[in-house]
Protein backbone atom coordinates (compact mmCIF):
# COMPACT_ATOMS: atom_id res chain seq x y z
CA MET A 1 -175.65 2.39 55.29
CA SER A 2 -174.60 2.87 51.70
CA GLU A 3 -177.06 4.61 49.41
CA ASN A 4 -176.37 2.01 46.71
CA ASP A 5 -177.37 -0.81 49.03
CA LYS A 6 -180.53 -2.67 48.00
CA THR A 7 -181.55 -3.57 51.56
CA CYS A 8 -184.17 -0.86 52.16
CA PRO A 9 -186.03 -1.38 48.87
CA LEU A 10 -186.04 -5.12 49.55
CA ILE A 11 -187.47 -4.64 53.05
CA ILE A 12 -190.09 -2.22 51.72
CA TYR A 13 -191.09 -4.81 49.10
CA TYR A 14 -191.43 -7.48 51.80
CA MET A 15 -193.55 -5.14 53.91
CA ARG A 16 -195.80 -4.21 50.99
CA GLU A 17 -196.36 -7.88 50.16
CA LYS A 18 -196.96 -8.64 53.87
CA TYR A 19 -193.91 -10.91 54.18
CA TYR A 20 -193.16 -9.55 57.63
CA ARG A 21 -190.93 -12.43 58.77
CA HIS A 22 -188.72 -11.95 55.68
CA ALA A 23 -188.50 -8.24 56.43
CA ILE A 24 -187.47 -8.96 60.03
CA ASN A 25 -184.85 -11.50 58.97
CA THR A 26 -183.41 -9.15 56.34
CA ALA A 27 -183.23 -6.29 58.83
CA VAL A 28 -181.55 -8.48 61.47
CA LYS A 29 -179.02 -9.79 58.96
CA ASN A 30 -178.13 -6.28 57.84
CA LEU A 31 -178.06 -4.91 61.39
CA LYS A 32 -175.09 -7.21 61.95
CA LEU A 33 -173.40 -5.61 58.95
CA TYR A 34 -174.43 -2.00 59.68
CA ASN A 35 -174.26 -1.82 63.45
CA ASN A 36 -177.39 -0.17 64.96
CA ASP A 37 -178.52 1.62 61.81
CA PRO A 38 -181.68 3.57 62.82
CA VAL A 39 -183.51 2.88 59.55
CA LEU A 40 -182.99 -0.87 59.85
CA ARG A 41 -184.00 -0.79 63.52
CA PHE A 42 -187.22 1.02 62.53
CA PHE A 43 -188.01 -1.54 59.81
CA LYS A 44 -187.37 -4.41 62.23
CA ALA A 45 -189.64 -2.92 64.90
CA PHE A 46 -192.39 -2.03 62.43
CA ALA A 47 -192.34 -5.48 60.81
CA THR A 48 -192.52 -7.11 64.25
CA LEU A 49 -195.55 -4.99 65.19
CA MET A 50 -197.32 -5.73 61.92
CA GLU A 51 -196.61 -9.45 62.21
CA GLU A 52 -198.16 -9.56 65.67
CA PHE A 53 -201.13 -7.50 64.48
CA ILE A 54 -201.86 -10.00 61.70
CA GLN A 55 -201.70 -12.85 64.20
CA LEU A 56 -204.09 -11.09 66.59
CA ARG A 57 -206.48 -10.16 63.81
CA ASP A 58 -207.06 -13.86 63.10
CA HIS A 59 -208.56 -14.33 66.58
CA PRO A 60 -211.85 -12.40 66.78
CA TYR A 61 -212.23 -12.94 70.52
CA LEU A 62 -208.96 -11.01 71.05
CA SER A 63 -209.98 -8.15 68.79
CA LEU A 64 -211.65 -5.96 71.42
CA CYS A 65 -209.02 -6.42 74.11
CA SER A 66 -206.11 -5.84 71.70
CA THR A 67 -207.76 -2.65 70.42
CA ALA A 68 -208.34 -1.46 73.98
CA ALA A 69 -204.70 -2.21 74.84
CA LEU A 70 -203.48 -0.22 71.83
CA ILE A 71 -205.68 2.75 72.80
CA TYR A 72 -204.45 2.60 76.40
CA ALA A 73 -200.82 2.43 75.27
CA HIS A 74 -201.34 5.40 72.96
CA LYS A 75 -202.90 7.50 75.72
CA ARG A 76 -200.08 6.62 78.14
CA SER A 77 -197.27 7.35 75.68
CA GLU A 78 -195.17 10.42 76.31
CA THR A 79 -194.34 11.05 72.67
CA ILE A 80 -196.81 12.60 70.27
CA GLY A 81 -197.86 10.47 67.32
CA ASN A 82 -198.23 11.65 63.75
CA SER A 83 -202.03 11.53 64.04
CA GLU A 84 -201.88 14.29 66.64
CA LEU A 85 -199.68 16.47 64.44
CA CYS A 86 -202.21 16.77 61.61
CA GLU A 87 -203.48 20.13 60.51
CA PRO A 88 -206.77 21.22 62.15
CA ALA A 89 -208.43 21.37 58.73
CA GLU A 90 -207.89 17.63 58.34
CA LEU A 91 -209.29 16.84 61.76
CA GLY A 92 -212.43 18.94 61.74
CA ALA A 93 -214.37 18.82 65.02
CA GLU A 94 -211.77 16.62 66.71
CA ALA A 95 -209.13 19.38 66.46
CA VAL A 96 -210.44 21.10 69.59
CA TRP A 97 -210.28 17.88 71.60
CA ILE A 98 -206.72 17.07 70.52
CA ARG A 99 -205.45 20.60 71.12
CA SER A 100 -207.01 20.74 74.60
CA ARG A 101 -205.28 17.62 75.94
């Protein structure tokens, strides 16, 4: 993708203003132009996740089960998330638990 292209700042603006559907549509439109660009694929996936999170947050009776599902998915994932890569000074007492897994 060209560095002069205004697509990424536009998608970031949509995400910041919580216009997730606009961000998805912009990413899809530009994915047709820039075939399988990893940045656009990330923005599309992240906007889709955030859109579904907002929809689930509106239903309080789904709150506990959706949180439990997210925790289960995180524990079952094979890749390490950014939260597990933090410095031990930031984690405090939890650093021992994360390092021992």
